[in-house]
Amino acid sequence: VAAQLAKATAPHTATVQGRTLTWQARPTAIAFDDLGVTADVEANVTMPAAAGAPASPGSLSTVGVPPTMGNQAGVQAAIDDDAVNRALWAAWQGGLTTLALDQATVAQIAGPNFPFRLEAALLTRFLPSLAGRLNPTDPVELDVSSLLPPVVRVTGTPDLVEMGMGEVATDIYVIEQGRRRLVLSVAAHVKVGASVGYSAGAVQVSFGNAPTVRANILASPVAAVDARNLESMLQTVLPSVLQLATGFGGGGRFPLPPIPGGLQVLNLRTYATGPALDYLGASFDLR
């Protein structure tokens, strides 16, 4: 048992977009009773800060009371939303929310699953004032950087969690005869719901189809653009971009390590739990 605990509590690393992500968990209390075993666990996620990362005192911390566990399923777990925000803060500090996207990058990550082609026709479809000023087949490139860390709040309904991102700076370029031409420079504030599920050995994160977007146009050198049309475009495209960004190549799927003994996860359910409903709960059976 001691050897397995030592293995479980050792730091684990993974390479994400060329950067090293480290996570570590250690039990702070273990109790046995007629219902089985209950463990309290502390965890942390770290990543070296990327060059030029904004200074930040740390991740969002709130007061939360853990839920009481029952025996409705073989395994029950609850994660404080502070732990999720710690992981998101580490990813933000590490530069994972800074993206450079073009059609080749999208195709490499998402394959044929990305529903839009990054071409000027996508812009003119939503922003009619650009029509006739851009060649519809010219490639489009996006430089995206979140100036504030993403923050998750467990809501339960209508989505399991809500993620907010402030000051998402986006520069949109068209490539004309091999040269970049700035079309729009935008600062956006985004809220979007997300749900968490499990399938085929992986956690699946799915974003809602109707994010709330408030956009400020910082520069529009090609033509004046209506901010309402821009927000409509971002509301349509952002869920697919977020799915792409958070999947890190898996389309929102995060494969889990094999369970010892060949056990399989069955009947997984995710929900909001705790007295204040601010914990992300999961229950499942093992077979």
C-alpha atoms as a PDB file:
ATOM      1  CA  VAL A   1       0.000   0.000   0.000  1.00  0.00           C
ATOM      2  CA  ALA A   2       2.819   2.392   0.908  1.00  0.00           C
ATOM      3  CA  ALA A   3       4.486   1.796  -2.440  1.00  0.00           C
ATOM      4  CA  GLN A   4       1.252   2.472  -4.345  1.00  0.00           C
ATOM      5  CA  LEU A   5       0.615   5.652  -2.343  1.00  0.00           C
ATOM      6  CA  ALA A   6       4.144   6.865  -3.048  1.00  0.00           C
ATOM      7  CA  LYS A   7       3.630   6.219  -6.766  1.00  0.00           C
ATOM      8  CA  ALA A   8       0.243   7.943  -6.786  1.00  0.00           C
ATOM      9  CA  THR A   9       1.484  11.031  -4.943  1.00  0.00           C
ATOM     10  CA  ALA A  10       4.668  11.529  -6.999  1.00  0.00           C
ATOM     11  CA  PRO A  11       4.677  14.438  -9.471  1.00  0.00           C
ATOM     12  CA  HIS A  12       3.373  13.549 -12.938  1.00  0.00           C
ATOM     13  CA  THR A  13       4.221  15.443 -16.095  1.00  0.00           C
ATOM     14  CA  ALA A  14       2.814  15.788 -19.585  1.00  0.00           C
ATOM     15  CA  THR A  15       3.892  17.757 -22.622  1.00  0.00           C
ATOM     16  CA  VAL A  16       1.171  20.094 -23.891  1.00  0.00           C
ATOM     17  CA  GLN A  17       1.870  22.226 -26.964  1.00  0.00           C
ATOM     18  CA  GLY A  18       5.584  21.752 -26.342  1.00  0.00           C
ATOM     19  CA  ARG A  19       5.395  22.858 -22.707  1.00  0.00           C
ATOM     20  CA  THR A  20       5.736  20.762 -19.547  1.00  0.00           C
ATOM     21  CA  LEU A  21       2.649  20.514 -17.350  1.00  0.00           C
ATOM     22  CA  THR A  22       3.163  19.051 -13.864  1.00  0.00           C
ATOM     23  CA  TRP A  23       0.467  17.881 -11.489  1.00  0.00           C
ATOM     24  CA  GLN A  24       0.680  16.307  -8.056  1.00  0.00           C
ATOM     25  CA  ALA A  25      -1.923  15.046  -5.601  1.00  0.00           C
ATOM     26  CA  ARG A  26      -1.500  13.822  -2.059  1.00  0.00           C
ATOM     27  CA  PRO A  27      -4.058  12.559   0.482  1.00  0.00           C
ATOM     28  CA  THR A  28      -4.474  14.633   3.635  1.00  0.00           C
ATOM     29  CA  ALA A  29      -6.916  12.262   5.361  1.00  0.00           C
ATOM     30  CA  ILE A  30      -8.127   8.692   4.827  1.00  0.00           C
ATOM     31  CA  ALA A  31     -11.015   7.121   6.741  1.00  0.00           C
ATOM     32  CA  PHE A  32     -12.684   3.694   6.626  1.00  0.00           C
ATOM     33  CA  ASP A  33     -16.282   2.977   7.609  1.00  0.00           C
ATOM     34  CA  ASP A  34     -19.192   0.716   6.668  1.00  0.00           C
ATOM     35  CA  LEU A  35     -19.629   2.560   3.355  1.00  0.00           C
ATOM     36  CA  GLY A  36     -16.027   2.001   2.270  1.00  0.00           C
ATOM     37  CA  VAL A  37     -13.090   4.393   2.212  1.00  0.00           C
ATOM     38  CA  THR A  38     -13.112   8.201   2.054  1.00  0.00           C
ATOM     39  CA  ALA A  39     -10.049  10.261   1.193  1.00  0.00           C
ATOM     40  CA  ASP A  40      -9.387  13.998   1.203  1.00  0.00           C
ATOM     41  CA  VAL A  41      -6.817  14.987  -1.413  1.00  0.00           C
ATOM     42  CA  GLU A  42      -4.845  18.163  -2.073  1.00  0.00           C
ATOM     43  CA  ALA A  43      -3.659  18.776  -5.615  1.00  0.00           C
ATOM     44  CA  ASN A  44      -1.716  21.352  -7.582  1.00  0.00           C
ATOM     45  CA  VAL A  45      -0.981  21.990 -11.232  1.00  0.00           C
ATOM     46  CA  THR A  46       2.048  23.991 -12.362  1.00  0.00           C
ATOM     47  CA  MET A  47       3.650  25.075 -15.611  1.00  0.00           C
ATOM     48  CA  PRO A  48       6.676  27.317 -16.161  1.00  0.00           C
ATOM     49  CA  ALA A  49       5.601  30.840 -17.034  1.00  0.00           C
ATOM     50  CA  ALA A  50       5.886  31.656 -20.723  1.00  0.00           C
ATOM     51  CA  ALA A  51       8.056  34.540 -21.853  1.00  0.00           C
ATOM     52  CA  GLY A  52       6.083  37.749 -21.517  1.00  0.00           C
ATOM     53  CA  ALA A  53       3.356  36.198 -19.352  1.00  0.00           C
ATOM     54  CA  PRO A  54       1.454  38.898 -17.437  1.00  0.00           C
ATOM     55  CA  ALA A  55       2.231  39.237 -13.732  1.00  0.00           C
ATOM     56  CA  SER A  56      -0.438  37.609 -11.582  1.00  0.00           C
ATOM     57  CA  PRO A  57      -0.774  36.925  -7.837  1.00  0.00           C
ATOM     58  CA  GLY A  58      -2.266  33.488  -8.452  1.00  0.00           C
ATOM     59  CA  SER A  59      -5.494  31.681  -9.216  1.00  0.00           C
ATOM     60  CA  LEU A  60      -8.966  32.560  -7.946  1.00  0.00           C
ATOM     61  CA  SER A  61      -9.648  31.200  -4.444  1.00  0.00           C
ATOM     62  CA  THR A  62     -13.108  31.071  -2.874  1.00  0.00           C
ATOM     63  CA  VAL A  63     -14.555  29.678   0.343  1.00  0.00           C
ATOM     64  CA  GLY A  64     -16.123  26.269  -0.226  1.00  0.00           C
ATOM     65  CA  VAL A  65     -17.415  23.407   1.931  1.00  0.00           C
ATOM     66  CA  PRO A  66     -16.922  19.854   0.590  1.00  0.00           C
ATOM     67  CA  PRO A  67     -20.020  17.720   0.059  1.00  0.00           C
ATOM     68  CA  THR A  68     -20.941  14.696   2.159  1.00  0.00           C
ATOM     69  CA  MET A  69     -20.342  11.473   0.243  1.00  0.00           C
ATOM     70  CA  GLY A  70     -22.891   8.650   0.115  1.00  0.00           C
ATOM     71  CA  ASN A  71     -23.049   5.154  -1.339  1.00  0.00           C
ATOM     72  CA  GLN A  72     -25.236   5.745  -4.401  1.00  0.00           C
ATOM     73  CA  ALA A  73     -22.394   4.643  -6.685  1.00  0.00           C
ATOM     74  CA  GLY A  74     -19.238   2.574  -6.451  1.00  0.00           C
ATOM     75  CA  VAL A  75     -17.048   5.683  -6.549  1.00  0.00           C
ATOM     76  CA  GLN A  76     -17.925   9.280  -5.801  1.00  0.00           C
ATOM     77  CA  ALA A  77     -15.571  12.236  -6.170  1.00  0.00           C
ATOM     78  CA  ALA A  78     -15.855  15.995  -5.831  1.00  0.00           C
ATOM     79  CA  ILE A  79     -13.436  18.672  -7.034  1.00  0.00           C
ATOM     80  CA  ASP A  80     -13.461  22.227  -5.710  1.00  0.00           C
ATOM     81  CA  ASP A  81     -13.855  24.751  -8.506  1.00  0.00           C
ATOM     82  CA  ASP A  82     -10.721  26.400  -7.070  1.00  0.00           C
ATOM     83  CA  ALA A  83      -8.730  23.349  -8.220  1.00  0.00           C
ATOM     84  CA  VAL A  84     -10.069  23.726 -11.756  1.00  0.00           C
ATOM     85  CA  ASN A  85      -9.206  27.426 -11.715  1.00  0.00           C
ATOM     86  CA  ARG A  86      -5.715  26.600 -10.476  1.00  0.00           C
ATOM     87  CA  ALA A  87      -5.165  24.366 -13.505  1.00  0.00           C
ATOM     88  CA  LEU A  88      -6.546  27.017 -15.862  1.00  0.00           C
ATOM     89  CA  TRP A  89      -4.343  29.681 -14.287  1.00  0.00           C
ATOM     90  CA  ALA A  90      -1.256  27.476 -14.743  1.00  0.00           C
ATOM     91  CA  ALA A  91      -2.174  26.880 -18.391  1.00  0.00           C
ATOM     92  CA  TRP A  92      -2.675  30.632 -18.901  1.00  0.00           C
ATOM     93  CA  GLN A  93       0.666  31.497 -17.255  1.00  0.00           C
ATOM     94  CA  GLY A  94       2.313  28.831 -19.383  1.00  0.00           C
ATOM     95  CA  GLY A  95       1.071  30.433 -22.598  1.00  0.00           C
ATOM     96  CA  LEU A  96      -1.508  27.815 -23.582  1.00  0.00           C
ATOM     97  CA  THR A  97      -4.189  30.464 -24.106  1.00  0.00           C
ATOM     98  CA  THR A  98      -2.009  32.275 -26.643  1.00  0.00           C
ATOM     99  CA  LEU A  99      -2.815  30.846 -30.058  1.00  0.00           C
ATOM    100  CA  ALA A 100      -1.752  31.495 -33.637  1.00  0.00           C
ATOM    101  CA  LEU A 101      -4.310  29.875 -35.915  1.00  0.00           C
ATOM    102  CA  ASP A 102      -4.356  29.430 -39.673  1.00  0.00           C
ATOM    103  CA  GLN A 103      -6.015  26.824 -41.865  1.00  0.00           C
ATOM    104  CA  ALA A 104      -2.986  24.508 -41.805  1.00  0.00           C
ATOM    105  CA  THR A 105      -2.805  24.569 -37.993  1.00  0.00           C
ATOM    106  CA  VAL A 106      -6.534  23.965 -37.670  1.00  0.00           C
ATOM    107  CA  ALA A 107      -6.380  21.035 -40.093  1.00  0.00           C
ATOM    108  CA  GLN A 108      -3.428  19.537 -38.211  1.00  0.00           C
ATOM    109  CA  ILE A 109      -5.205  19.710 -34.850  1.00  0.00           C
ATOM    110  CA  ALA A 110      -8.835  19.105 -35.740  1.00  0.00           C
ATOM    111  CA  GLY A 111      -8.621  17.305 -39.078  1.00  0.00           C
ATOM    112  CA  PRO A 112     -11.894  17.569 -40.994  1.00  0.00           C
ATOM    113  CA  ASN A 113     -13.949  18.282 -37.847  1.00  0.00           C
ATOM    114  CA  PHE A 114     -13.521  22.064 -37.741  1.00  0.00           C
ATOM    115  CA  PRO A 115     -16.702  23.506 -39.335  1.00  0.00           C
ATOM    116  CA  PHE A 116     -15.188  26.685 -40.818  1.00  0.00           C
ATOM    117  CA  ARG A 117     -12.473  27.452 -43.340  1.00  0.00           C
ATOM    118  CA  LEU A 118     -10.197  30.300 -42.315  1.00  0.00           C
ATOM    119  CA  GLU A 119     -10.689  32.360 -45.458  1.00  0.00           C
ATOM    120  CA  ALA A 120     -11.827  35.933 -46.067  1.00  0.00           C
ATOM    121  CA  ALA A 121     -15.261  34.632 -47.101  1.00  0.00           C
ATOM    122  CA  LEU A 122     -15.857  33.770 -43.425  1.00  0.00           C
ATOM    123  CA  LEU A 123     -15.352  37.431 -42.519  1.00  0.00           C
ATOM    124  CA  THR A 124     -17.528  38.873 -45.294  1.00  0.00           C
ATOM    125  CA  ARG A 125     -20.296  36.398 -44.427  1.00  0.00           C
ATOM    126  CA  PHE A 126     -20.760  38.085 -41.035  1.00  0.00           C
ATOM    127  CA  LEU A 127     -19.276  41.527 -41.727  1.00  0.00           C
ATOM    128  CA  PRO A 128     -20.910  42.848 -44.919  1.00  0.00           C
ATOM    129  CA  SER A 129     -18.932  46.102 -44.857  1.00  0.00           C
ATOM    130  CA  LEU A 130     -15.844  44.066 -45.816  1.00  0.00           C
ATOM    131  CA  ALA A 131     -17.496  42.602 -48.921  1.00  0.00           C
ATOM    132  CA  GLY A 132     -15.786  43.758 -52.107  1.00  0.00           C
ATOM    133  CA  ARG A 133     -12.709  44.831 -50.161  1.00  0.00           C
ATOM    134  CA  LEU A 134     -11.299  41.341 -49.600  1.00  0.00           C
ATOM    135  CA  ASN A 135     -10.660  38.413 -51.931  1.00  0.00           C
ATOM    136  CA  PRO A 136     -12.997  35.696 -50.559  1.00  0.00           C
ATOM    137  CA  THR A 137     -10.389  32.928 -51.010  1.00  0.00           C
ATOM    138  CA  ASP A 138      -7.500  34.751 -49.303  1.00  0.00           C
ATOM    139  CA  PRO A 139      -6.333  32.885 -46.196  1.00  0.00           C
ATOM    140  CA  VAL A 140      -7.138  34.268 -42.734  1.00  0.00           C
ATOM    141  CA  GLU A 141      -4.837  34.071 -39.709  1.00  0.00           C
ATOM    142  CA  LEU A 142      -5.797  34.712 -36.091  1.00  0.00           C
ATOM    143  CA  ASP A 143      -3.522  35.777 -33.244  1.00  0.00           C
ATOM    144  CA  VAL A 144      -5.387  35.157 -29.992  1.00  0.00           C
ATOM    145  CA  SER A 145      -4.172  35.950 -26.496  1.00  0.00           C
ATOM    146  CA  SER A 146      -6.126  35.978 -23.236  1.00  0.00           C
ATOM    147  CA  LEU A 147      -4.826  38.835 -21.090  1.00  0.00           C
ATOM    148  CA  LEU A 148      -6.639  37.470 -18.024  1.00  0.00           C
ATOM    149  CA  PRO A 149      -6.803  33.839 -16.879  1.00  0.00           C
ATOM    150  CA  PRO A 150      -9.962  31.869 -17.650  1.00  0.00           C
ATOM    151  CA  VAL A 151     -12.197  31.366 -14.618  1.00  0.00           C
ATOM    152  CA  VAL A 152     -14.674  28.522 -14.136  1.00  0.00           C
ATOM    153  CA  ARG A 153     -17.782  28.632 -11.963  1.00  0.00           C
ATOM    154  CA  VAL A 154     -19.819  25.493 -11.236  1.00  0.00           C
ATOM    155  CA  THR A 155     -23.435  26.281 -12.097  1.00  0.00           C
ATOM    156  CA  GLY A 156     -25.173  22.905 -12.495  1.00  0.00           C
ATOM    157  CA  THR A 157     -27.777  24.228 -14.949  1.00  0.00           C
ATOM    158  CA  PRO A 158     -28.266  24.874 -17.804  1.00  0.00           C
ATOM    159  CA  ASP A 159     -24.617  23.851 -18.221  1.00  0.00           C
ATOM    160  CA  LEU A 160     -22.488  22.094 -15.648  1.00  0.00           C
ATOM    161  CA  VAL A 161     -19.959  24.940 -15.524  1.00  0.00           C
ATOM    162  CA  GLU A 162     -19.605  28.443 -16.881  1.00  0.00           C
ATOM    163  CA  MET A 163     -16.223  29.680 -18.081  1.00  0.00           C
ATOM    164  CA  GLY A 164     -15.431  33.358 -18.318  1.00  0.00           C
ATOM    165  CA  MET A 165     -12.530  34.893 -20.226  1.00  0.00           C
ATOM    166  CA  GLY A 166     -11.745  38.592 -20.000  1.00  0.00           C
ATOM    167  CA  GLU A 167      -9.688  40.718 -22.350  1.00  0.00           C
ATOM    168  CA  VAL A 168      -9.303  38.128 -25.110  1.00  0.00           C
ATOM    169  CA  ALA A 169      -7.189  40.071 -27.593  1.00  0.00           C
ATOM    170  CA  THR A 170      -7.652  38.911 -31.185  1.00  0.00           C
ATOM    171  CA  ASP A 171      -5.934  40.227 -34.297  1.00  0.00           C
ATOM    172  CA  ILE A 172      -7.452  39.058 -37.584  1.00  0.00           C
ATOM    173  CA  TYR A 173      -5.328  39.138 -40.733  1.00  0.00           C
ATOM    174  CA  VAL A 174      -5.835  38.227 -44.367  1.00  0.00           C
ATOM    175  CA  ILE A 175      -2.852  37.018 -46.382  1.00  0.00           C
ATOM    176  CA  GLU A 176      -2.658  38.971 -49.632  1.00  0.00           C
ATOM    177  CA  GLN A 177       0.070  37.871 -52.034  1.00  0.00           C
ATOM    178  CA  GLY A 178       2.041  36.387 -49.155  1.00  0.00           C
ATOM    179  CA  ARG A 179       1.801  39.444 -46.912  1.00  0.00           C
ATOM    180  CA  ARG A 180      -0.274  39.925 -43.773  1.00  0.00           C
ATOM    181  CA  ARG A 181      -2.894  42.654 -43.834  1.00  0.00           C
ATOM    182  CA  LEU A 182      -4.622  43.563 -40.571  1.00  0.00           C
ATOM    183  CA  VAL A 183      -8.406  43.502 -40.891  1.00  0.00           C
ATOM    184  CA  LEU A 184      -9.523  43.751 -37.274  1.00  0.00           C
ATOM    185  CA  SER A 185      -8.045  44.119 -33.826  1.00  0.00           C
ATOM    186  CA  VAL A 186     -10.544  43.176 -31.130  1.00  0.00           C
ATOM    187  CA  ALA A 187     -10.770  42.849 -27.346  1.00  0.00           C
ATOM    188  CA  ALA A 188     -13.549  40.495 -26.286  1.00  0.00           C
ATOM    189  CA  HIS A 189     -15.111  39.398 -23.020  1.00  0.00           C
ATOM    190  CA  VAL A 190     -16.595  35.918 -23.226  1.00  0.00           C
ATOM    191  CA  LYS A 191     -18.812  33.699 -21.077  1.00  0.00           C
ATOM    192  CA  VAL A 192     -19.623  30.199 -22.267  1.00  0.00           C
ATOM    193  CA  GLY A 193     -21.202  27.136 -20.697  1.00  0.00           C
ATOM    194  CA  ALA A 194     -19.573  23.725 -20.788  1.00  0.00           C
ATOM    195  CA  SER A 195     -20.463  20.162 -19.886  1.00  0.00           C
ATOM    196  CA  VAL A 196     -18.222  17.259 -18.921  1.00  0.00           C
ATOM    197  CA  GLY A 197     -18.786  13.622 -19.844  1.00  0.00           C
ATOM    198  CA  TYR A 198     -16.908  10.370 -20.296  1.00  0.00           C
ATOM    199  CA  SER A 199     -16.616   8.088 -23.295  1.00  0.00           C
ATOM    200  CA  ALA A 200     -14.205   5.399 -24.467  1.00  0.00           C
ATOM    201  CA  GLY A 201     -11.592   6.005 -21.798  1.00  0.00           C
ATOM    202  CA  ALA A 202     -11.513   9.790 -22.087  1.00  0.00           C
ATOM    203  CA  VAL A 203     -13.086  12.808 -20.439  1.00  0.00           C
ATOM    204  CA  GLN A 204     -15.049  14.815 -23.006  1.00  0.00           C
ATOM    205  CA  VAL A 205     -15.475  18.585 -22.618  1.00  0.00           C
ATOM    206  CA  SER A 206     -18.239  20.118 -24.746  1.00  0.00           C
ATOM    207  CA  PHE A 207     -18.918  23.842 -25.002  1.00  0.00           C
ATOM    208  CA  GLY A 208     -22.359  25.358 -25.389  1.00  0.00           C
ATOM    209  CA  ASN A 209     -23.412  26.809 -28.705  1.00  0.00           C
ATOM    210  CA  ALA A 210     -24.457  30.246 -27.475  1.00  0.00           C
ATOM    211  CA  PRO A 211     -21.634  32.071 -25.687  1.00  0.00           C
ATOM    212  CA  THR A 212     -22.128  35.602 -24.439  1.00  0.00           C
ATOM    213  CA  VAL A 213     -19.658  37.925 -26.179  1.00  0.00           C
ATOM    214  CA  ARG A 214     -18.996  41.610 -25.690  1.00  0.00           C
ATOM    215  CA  ALA A 215     -16.454  42.964 -28.166  1.00  0.00           C
ATOM    216  CA  ASN A 216     -14.587  46.237 -28.415  1.00  0.00           C
ATOM    217  CA  ILE A 217     -13.119  47.081 -31.815  1.00  0.00           C
ATOM    218  CA  LEU A 218      -9.619  48.472 -31.327  1.00  0.00           C
ATOM    219  CA  ALA A 219      -8.714  48.832 -35.005  1.00  0.00           C
ATOM    220  CA  SER A 220     -10.560  48.300 -38.296  1.00  0.00           C
ATOM    221  CA  PRO A 221      -8.270  49.589 -41.035  1.00  0.00           C
ATOM    222  CA  VAL A 222     -10.045  47.970 -44.006  1.00  0.00           C
ATOM    223  CA  ALA A 223     -13.570  49.285 -43.340  1.00  0.00           C
ATOM    224  CA  ALA A 224     -15.795  50.292 -40.442  1.00  0.00           C
ATOM    225  CA  VAL A 225     -17.396  47.223 -38.846  1.00  0.00           C
ATOM    226  CA  ASP A 226     -20.617  47.029 -36.832  1.00  0.00           C
ATOM    227  CA  ALA A 227     -19.757  45.658 -33.369  1.00  0.00           C
ATOM    228  CA  ARG A 228     -23.055  43.743 -33.285  1.00  0.00           C
ATOM    229  CA  ASN A 229     -22.130  41.854 -36.452  1.00  0.00           C
ATOM    230  CA  LEU A 230     -18.710  41.132 -35.010  1.00  0.00           C
ATOM    231  CA  GLU A 231     -20.234  39.757 -31.809  1.00  0.00           C
ATOM    232  CA  SER A 232     -22.546  37.563 -33.895  1.00  0.00           C
ATOM    233  CA  MET A 233     -19.536  36.147 -35.752  1.00  0.00           C
ATOM    234  CA  LEU A 234     -17.650  35.472 -32.525  1.00  0.00           C
ATOM    235  CA  GLN A 235     -20.683  33.798 -30.944  1.00  0.00           C
ATOM    236  CA  THR A 236     -20.858  31.455 -33.938  1.00  0.00           C
ATOM    237  CA  VAL A 237     -17.160  30.664 -34.315  1.00  0.00           C
ATOM    238  CA  LEU A 238     -15.898  30.728 -30.713  1.00  0.00           C
ATOM    239  CA  PRO A 239     -17.336  27.384 -29.513  1.00  0.00           C
ATOM    240  CA  SER A 240     -15.417  25.582 -32.265  1.00  0.00           C
ATOM    241  CA  VAL A 241     -12.237  27.561 -31.508  1.00  0.00           C
ATOM    242  CA  LEU A 242     -12.549  26.782 -27.789  1.00  0.00           C
ATOM    243  CA  GLN A 243     -13.117  23.100 -28.526  1.00  0.00           C
ATOM    244  CA  LEU A 244      -9.997  23.189 -30.648  1.00  0.00           C
ATOM    245  CA  ALA A 245      -7.915  25.051 -28.065  1.00  0.00           C
ATOM    246  CA  THR A 246      -8.892  22.974 -25.035  1.00  0.00           C
ATOM    247  CA  GLY A 247      -8.547  19.665 -26.848  1.00  0.00           C
ATOM    248  CA  PHE A 248      -4.829  20.149 -27.462  1.00  0.00           C
ATOM    249  CA  GLY A 249      -5.178  17.883 -30.462  1.00  0.00           C
ATOM    250  CA  GLY A 250      -7.991  15.738 -29.102  1.00  0.00           C
ATOM    251  CA  GLY A 251     -11.025  17.837 -29.951  1.00  0.00           C
ATOM    252  CA  GLY A 252     -11.957  18.326 -26.297  1.00  0.00           C
ATOM    253  CA  ARG A 253     -11.102  14.721 -25.347  1.00  0.00           C
ATOM    254  CA  PHE A 254      -8.643  14.090 -22.516  1.00  0.00           C
ATOM    255  CA  PRO A 255      -7.608  10.399 -22.411  1.00  0.00           C
ATOM    256  CA  LEU A 256      -7.305   8.953 -18.905  1.00  0.00           C
ATOM    257  CA  PRO A 257      -4.563   6.505 -17.914  1.00  0.00           C
ATOM    258  CA  PRO A 258      -5.593   2.822 -17.824  1.00  0.00           C
ATOM    259  CA  ILE A 259      -7.088   1.680 -14.519  1.00  0.00           C
ATOM    260  CA  PRO A 260      -5.046  -1.102 -12.855  1.00  0.00           C
ATOM    261  CA  GLY A 261      -6.501  -4.561 -13.249  1.00  0.00           C
ATOM    262  CA  GLY A 262      -8.252  -3.710 -16.497  1.00  0.00           C
ATOM    263  CA  LEU A 263     -11.225  -2.118 -14.708  1.00  0.00           C
ATOM    264  CA  GLN A 264     -13.628  -0.009 -16.740  1.00  0.00           C
ATOM    265  CA  VAL A 265     -15.601   3.103 -15.791  1.00  0.00           C
ATOM    266  CA  LEU A 266     -19.367   2.656 -16.079  1.00  0.00           C
ATOM    267  CA  ASN A 267     -22.407   4.858 -15.458  1.00  0.00           C
ATOM    268  CA  LEU A 268     -20.430   8.070 -15.021  1.00  0.00           C
ATOM    269  CA  ARG A 269     -22.487  11.087 -14.019  1.00  0.00           C
ATOM    270  CA  THR A 270     -21.273  14.653 -13.447  1.00  0.00           C
ATOM    271  CA  TYR A 271     -23.126  17.279 -11.420  1.00  0.00           C
ATOM    272  CA  ALA A 272     -22.815  20.297  -9.117  1.00  0.00           C
ATOM    273  CA  THR A 273     -22.500  19.338  -5.462  1.00  0.00           C
ATOM    274  CA  GLY A 274     -21.627  20.678  -2.017  1.00  0.00           C
ATOM    275  CA  PRO A 275     -23.708  22.940   0.275  1.00  0.00           C
ATOM    276  CA  ALA A 276     -23.081  25.903  -2.054  1.00  0.00           C
ATOM    277  CA  LEU A 277     -23.112  23.750  -5.223  1.00  0.00           C
ATOM    278  CA  ASP A 278     -19.593  24.967  -6.024  1.00  0.00           C
ATOM    279  CA  TYR A 279     -17.952  21.547  -6.297  1.00  0.00           C
ATOM    280  CA  LEU A 280     -17.781  19.539  -9.506  1.00  0.00           C
ATOM    281  CA  GLY A 281     -19.078  16.081  -8.596  1.00  0.00           C
ATOM    282  CA  ALA A 282     -18.729  12.769 -10.380  1.00  0.00           C
ATOM    283  CA  SER A 283     -20.059   9.321  -9.581  1.00  0.00           C
ATOM    284  CA  PHE A 284     -19.322   6.077 -11.409  1.00  0.00           C
ATOM    285  CA  ASP A 285     -18.970   2.328 -11.045  1.00  0.00           C
ATOM    286  CA  LEU A 286     -15.933   0.161 -11.790  1.00  0.00           C
ATOM    287  CA  ARG A 287     -16.125  -3.270 -13.366  1.00  0.00           C
END
